[in-house]
Protein backbone atom coordinates (compact mmCIF):
# COMPACT_ATOMS: atom_id res chain seq x y z
CA MET A 1 -20.72 88.63 201.39
CA ALA A 2 -22.36 90.24 205.05
CA LYS A 3 -26.19 88.57 206.09
CA THR A 4 -28.85 91.12 206.15
CA ILE A 5 -30.97 91.21 208.69
CA SER A 6 -34.11 93.75 209.10
CA PHE A 7 -36.71 93.90 212.45
CA HIS A 8 -40.00 95.10 211.99
CA LEU A 9 -43.82 94.47 212.97
CA GLN A 10 -46.65 96.86 211.45
CA LYS A 11 -47.06 98.20 215.39
CA GLY A 12 -45.07 100.81 216.64
CA GLY A 13 -43.75 100.79 220.11
CA VAL A 14 -42.65 97.30 220.40
CA GLY A 15 -38.86 98.23 220.65
CA LYS A 16 -37.72 97.38 217.17
CA THR A 17 -35.09 100.22 216.99
CA THR A 18 -33.81 99.78 220.69
CA ILE A 19 -33.21 96.06 219.10
CA SER A 20 -31.72 97.30 216.85
CA GLY A 21 -29.30 99.18 217.70
CA THR A 22 -28.11 97.11 220.93
CA LEU A 23 -27.86 93.56 218.34
CA ALA A 24 -25.34 95.97 216.20
CA CYS A 25 -23.89 97.00 219.39
CA GLN A 26 -23.48 93.21 220.20
CA SER A 27 -22.17 92.49 217.16
CA ALA A 28 -19.51 95.19 217.05
CA LEU A 29 -18.00 93.96 220.04
CA ASP A 30 -18.24 90.95 219.54
CA GLY A 31 -15.70 91.87 216.56
CA TYR A 32 -17.51 92.08 213.49
CA SER A 33 -18.06 95.05 211.15
CA THR A 34 -21.23 96.20 211.26
CA LEU A 35 -23.44 98.70 209.62
CA LEU A 36 -27.01 99.89 210.99
CA VAL A 37 -29.05 101.03 208.20
CA ASP A 38 -31.20 103.57 209.78
CA VAL A 39 -35.04 103.43 207.17
CA ASP A 40 -37.07 104.71 209.42
CA PRO A 41 -38.11 108.26 208.09
CA GLN A 42 -38.45 109.57 211.87
CA GLY A 43 -34.19 108.43 212.48
CA ASN A 44 -34.55 107.10 215.88
CA ALA A 45 -31.55 105.06 215.31
CA SER A 46 -29.45 108.16 214.13
CA SER A 47 -30.89 110.01 217.04
CA TRP A 48 -29.31 107.71 219.60
CA PHE A 49 -25.38 107.28 218.20
CA LEU A 50 -25.33 110.71 216.15
CA LYS A 51 -25.16 114.16 218.69
CA GLU A 52 -25.11 116.36 215.86
CA ALA A 53 -26.48 116.10 211.72
CA PRO A 54 -24.46 114.13 209.32
CA GLN A 55 -23.81 115.77 205.74
CA TYR A 56 -25.16 113.66 203.61
CA GLU A 57 -27.77 110.84 205.00
CA LEU A 58 -29.92 107.29 203.28
CA ALA A 59 -32.18 110.13 201.60
CA ASP A 60 -29.28 111.44 199.84
CA VAL A 61 -27.77 107.96 199.26
CA VAL A 62 -30.96 107.01 197.20
CA GLN A 63 -31.51 109.77 195.20
CA GLY A 64 -27.89 109.89 193.90
CA ARG A 65 -26.50 112.81 195.69
CA CYS A 66 -24.10 110.63 197.06
CA TYR A 67 -22.19 107.83 197.12
CA ILE A 68 -23.25 105.39 199.47
CA GLN A 69 -19.44 105.40 201.40
CA ASP A 70 -20.03 109.16 201.76
CA ALA A 71 -23.09 108.90 203.96
CA ILE A 72 -21.75 106.07 205.90
CA ILE A 73 -20.29 106.90 209.82
CA PRO A 74 -17.97 105.13 211.66
CA ILE A 75 -19.80 105.30 215.42
CA PRO A 76 -16.55 106.50 217.47
CA GLN A 77 -17.49 104.96 220.43
CA ILE A 78 -17.87 101.38 219.26
CA GLN A 79 -15.00 99.44 217.54
CA ASN A 80 -16.44 97.92 213.75
CA MET A 81 -19.57 99.85 214.00
CA SER A 82 -20.65 101.67 211.49
CA LEU A 83 -24.00 103.82 210.67
CA LEU A 84 -25.99 104.87 207.34
CA PRO A 85 -28.00 107.22 208.81
CA THR A 86 -31.63 109.32 208.55
CA PHE A 87 -31.75 112.22 210.40
CA GLY A 88 -35.20 113.14 208.93
CA ILE A 89 -33.77 116.63 207.35
CA GLY A 90 -37.04 117.61 205.91
CA GLY A 91 -38.37 114.70 205.52
CA THR A 92 -36.64 113.81 202.53
CA LEU A 93 -36.43 109.83 202.78
CA LYS A 94 -40.83 109.89 203.55
CA LEU A 95 -41.10 111.87 200.58
CA TYR A 96 -39.22 110.11 198.75
CA ALA A 97 -40.87 106.74 199.60
CA GLU A 98 -43.88 108.65 198.86
CA THR A 99 -43.07 109.87 195.16
CA LYS A 100 -40.33 107.97 193.78
CA LEU A 101 -39.76 104.86 195.47
CA ALA A 102 -42.46 102.90 193.31
CA GLU A 103 -40.05 103.32 190.38
CA GLU A 104 -36.78 102.01 192.13
CA PRO A 105 -38.60 99.08 194.29
CA PHE A 106 -35.17 97.12 194.35
CA VAL A 107 -33.18 100.68 195.25
CA LEU A 108 -32.41 99.37 198.55
CA GLN A 109 -31.40 95.62 197.59
CA ASP A 110 -28.82 96.95 194.97
CA LEU A 111 -27.11 99.30 198.15
CA VAL A 112 -27.32 96.78 200.16
CA HIS A 113 -25.62 94.78 197.55
CA GLU A 114 -23.34 96.73 196.89
CA VAL A 115 -21.62 97.06 200.64
CA SER A 116 -22.35 93.73 201.75
CA ASP A 117 -18.35 92.89 200.60
CA SER A 118 -17.65 96.06 203.21
CA PHE A 119 -19.04 94.22 206.00
CA ASP A 120 -19.27 91.71 207.94
CA ARG A 121 -23.47 91.94 209.43
CA ILE A 122 -26.26 94.83 207.98
CA ILE A 123 -28.71 95.24 210.10
CA LEU A 124 -31.86 97.31 208.93
CA ASP A 125 -33.86 99.19 211.93
CA LEU A 126 -38.02 99.92 210.02
CA SER A 127 -40.48 101.76 210.81
CA PRO A 128 -43.99 100.34 211.62
CA GLY A 129 -46.96 100.74 208.91
CA LEU A 130 -45.63 98.02 205.55
CA GLY A 131 -45.79 100.96 203.22
CA ARG A 132 -43.11 100.68 200.00
CA LEU A 133 -40.04 101.65 201.90
CA GLU A 134 -40.88 99.13 204.84
CA ARG A 135 -41.59 96.69 201.37
CA ALA A 136 -38.00 97.88 200.05
CA ALA A 137 -36.10 96.60 203.19
CA LEU A 138 -37.90 93.29 203.84
CA ILE A 139 -36.58 92.25 200.14
CA SER A 140 -33.33 93.37 200.12
CA SER A 141 -33.13 91.00 204.44
CA ASP A 142 -31.99 87.30 204.24
CA GLU A 143 -34.00 87.30 206.98
CA VAL A 144 -36.59 89.11 208.85
CA ILE A 145 -37.70 89.03 212.93
CA THR A 146 -40.21 90.89 214.70
CA PRO A 147 -39.69 92.04 217.77
CA MET A 148 -43.37 92.13 219.80
CA THR A 149 -44.50 93.53 223.12
CA PRO A 150 -46.20 90.21 225.52
CA GLU A 151 -49.60 91.81 224.71
CA VAL A 152 -52.98 91.10 222.93
CA PHE A 153 -52.65 93.84 220.70
CA SER A 154 -48.58 92.31 219.01
CA LEU A 155 -50.28 88.48 218.77
CA ASP A 156 -52.44 90.40 216.24
CA GLY A 157 -49.71 92.71 214.15
CA LEU A 158 -47.83 89.19 214.13
CA GLU A 159 -50.90 86.94 212.10
CA ILE A 160 -51.40 90.24 210.50
CA PHE A 161 -47.84 90.88 209.34
CA ILE A 162 -47.64 86.87 208.59
CA ASP A 163 -49.94 87.56 205.56
CA GLU A 164 -48.39 89.80 204.47
CA LEU A 165 -45.03 88.80 204.10
CA ALA A 166 -46.24 86.35 202.90
CA ARG A 167 -47.96 88.21 199.98
CA LEU A 168 -44.72 90.36 199.62
CA LYS A 169 -42.88 86.90 199.37
CA LYS A 170 -44.50 86.04 195.91
CA ASN A 171 -45.34 89.36 194.32
CA LEU A 172 -41.43 90.05 194.39
CA ARG A 173 -40.10 87.05 194.48
CA SER A 174 -38.70 87.61 197.49
CA THR A 175 -36.28 84.61 199.87
CA VAL A 176 -37.16 86.13 203.14
CA SER A 177 -36.97 84.55 206.20
CA HIS A 178 -39.07 84.43 209.12
CA SER A 179 -38.51 81.76 212.07
CA LYS A 180 -38.19 84.04 214.66
CA ILE A 181 -39.62 86.36 217.27
CA ILE A 182 -38.64 88.44 220.23
CA ILE A 183 -40.89 89.57 222.98
CA ASN A 184 -39.44 92.59 224.13
CA SER A 185 -39.56 94.37 227.42
CA PHE A 186 -40.66 90.81 229.13
CA ASP A 187 -41.13 90.46 232.94
CA ASN A 188 -41.93 86.82 234.41
CA ARG A 189 -43.60 87.71 237.79
CA ILE A 190 -46.81 89.43 235.18
CA LYS A 191 -49.27 86.49 233.93
CA GLN A 192 -50.05 88.44 230.70
CA HIS A 193 -46.60 88.55 230.27
CA ARG A 194 -46.04 84.71 230.28
CA ASP A 195 -49.22 83.99 228.70
CA ILE A 196 -47.96 85.43 225.91
CA TYR A 197 -44.90 83.84 225.96
CA ASN A 198 -46.14 80.52 225.90
CA ALA A 199 -49.08 81.27 223.07
CA ALA A 200 -46.11 82.46 220.67
CA CYS A 201 -44.33 79.47 221.68
CA LYS A 202 -47.40 77.10 219.93
CA GLY A 203 -46.32 78.52 216.85
CA VAL A 204 -43.68 77.63 214.15
CA PHE A 205 -41.48 80.36 215.18
CA THR A 206 -38.39 80.60 217.22
CA VAL A 207 -39.16 82.79 220.15
CA TYR A 208 -36.52 84.65 222.61
CA LYS A 209 -37.31 87.26 225.15
CA ILE A 210 -35.52 90.38 226.24
CA PRO A 211 -36.71 91.17 230.10
CA VAL A 212 -37.54 94.72 230.42
CA ASP A 213 -34.84 96.92 231.10
CA PRO A 214 -34.52 100.62 232.01
CA LEU A 215 -30.90 101.18 231.33
CA PHE A 216 -31.54 100.67 227.63
CA ARG A 217 -33.64 104.65 227.83
CA LYS A 218 -30.66 105.55 229.38
CA ALA A 219 -28.66 104.63 227.40
CA GLN A 220 -29.74 106.39 224.09
CA GLU A 221 -30.89 109.51 225.92
CA ALA A 222 -26.55 109.26 226.67
CA GLY A 223 -26.08 107.77 222.80
CA TYR A 224 -24.38 104.49 224.62
CA ALA A 225 -24.21 101.19 223.49
CA PRO A 226 -26.38 100.07 226.33
CA GLN A 227 -23.95 97.08 226.84
CA LEU A 228 -20.76 99.56 227.59
CA PHE A 229 -23.38 102.04 229.66
CA LYS A 230 -23.19 102.21 233.50
CA ALA A 231 -25.87 104.54 235.47
CA ARG A 232 -24.48 105.12 239.34
CA GLY A 233 -21.85 102.60 238.74
CA ARG A 234 -25.02 99.92 237.55
CA GLY A 235 -24.98 98.28 234.13
CA LEU A 236 -27.52 96.10 232.11
CA LYS A 237 -28.93 93.39 234.24
CA GLU A 238 -27.28 90.09 234.00
CA SER A 239 -30.48 88.29 232.68
CA THR A 240 -30.23 90.78 229.85
CA VAL A 241 -27.27 90.59 228.80
CA GLY A 242 -27.33 86.97 228.75
CA ALA A 243 -30.30 87.59 226.38
CA ILE A 244 -28.86 89.83 223.70
CA LYS A 245 -25.78 87.53 223.84
CA THR A 246 -28.30 84.69 222.95
CA LEU A 247 -30.00 86.41 220.90
CA ASN A 248 -26.95 88.15 218.96
CA LYS A 249 -25.04 84.39 218.36
CA ASP A 250 -28.25 82.82 216.90
CA ILE A 251 -29.53 85.39 214.54
CA TRP A 252 -25.58 85.63 212.79
CA ARG A 253 -25.15 81.56 212.98
């Protein structure tokens, strides 16, 4: 049965999609069948890996318009990686979350269980906020990992998320674990970044750093895995590659 991991913090712009997509790619490149589920109504992960809108998306699955196998799309340029997309077609997923999800809080959990024997690993990419959709995704996960940027507001968001997650686990009897933080776009030359990292390390979390690297954005624009993309002959920084491999190894341990 596949292990399921989600990446979440209520704050936007912390790199949830970048980290989710990059680690899904790394897992697949390591030879594990990996499913990336785009649970963000904006569909950024889907726009990253798909050039055209799919026939079916996640919203179609949860509303019973198709089987989940009909909506899962293999990513041609990345062997072992598949995507359950959201393309924001008419805002269908958002509308479902606002109108129907309250009656079906465990629908994503059921979907994950349905495909858990078909994949080695499952990653959920969530939108900011903590509404019904995000809650449904979190309780379907074995572990949630918090990405944040090296700024004070992200630390504040982490404290809020810890409290909200504790209530969620109690109310819906979830066993999702939360023990890892990723500080994204880290630059060791900047004192504030070092201070935020040191502050995060004083808590109970294991803290990881992913260096600032412009190749992530360029790879996303080109529709490629960052590990496979080169701009003017240059790929990801060696420190970035090392950080990704270390994190990927640890989260699936």
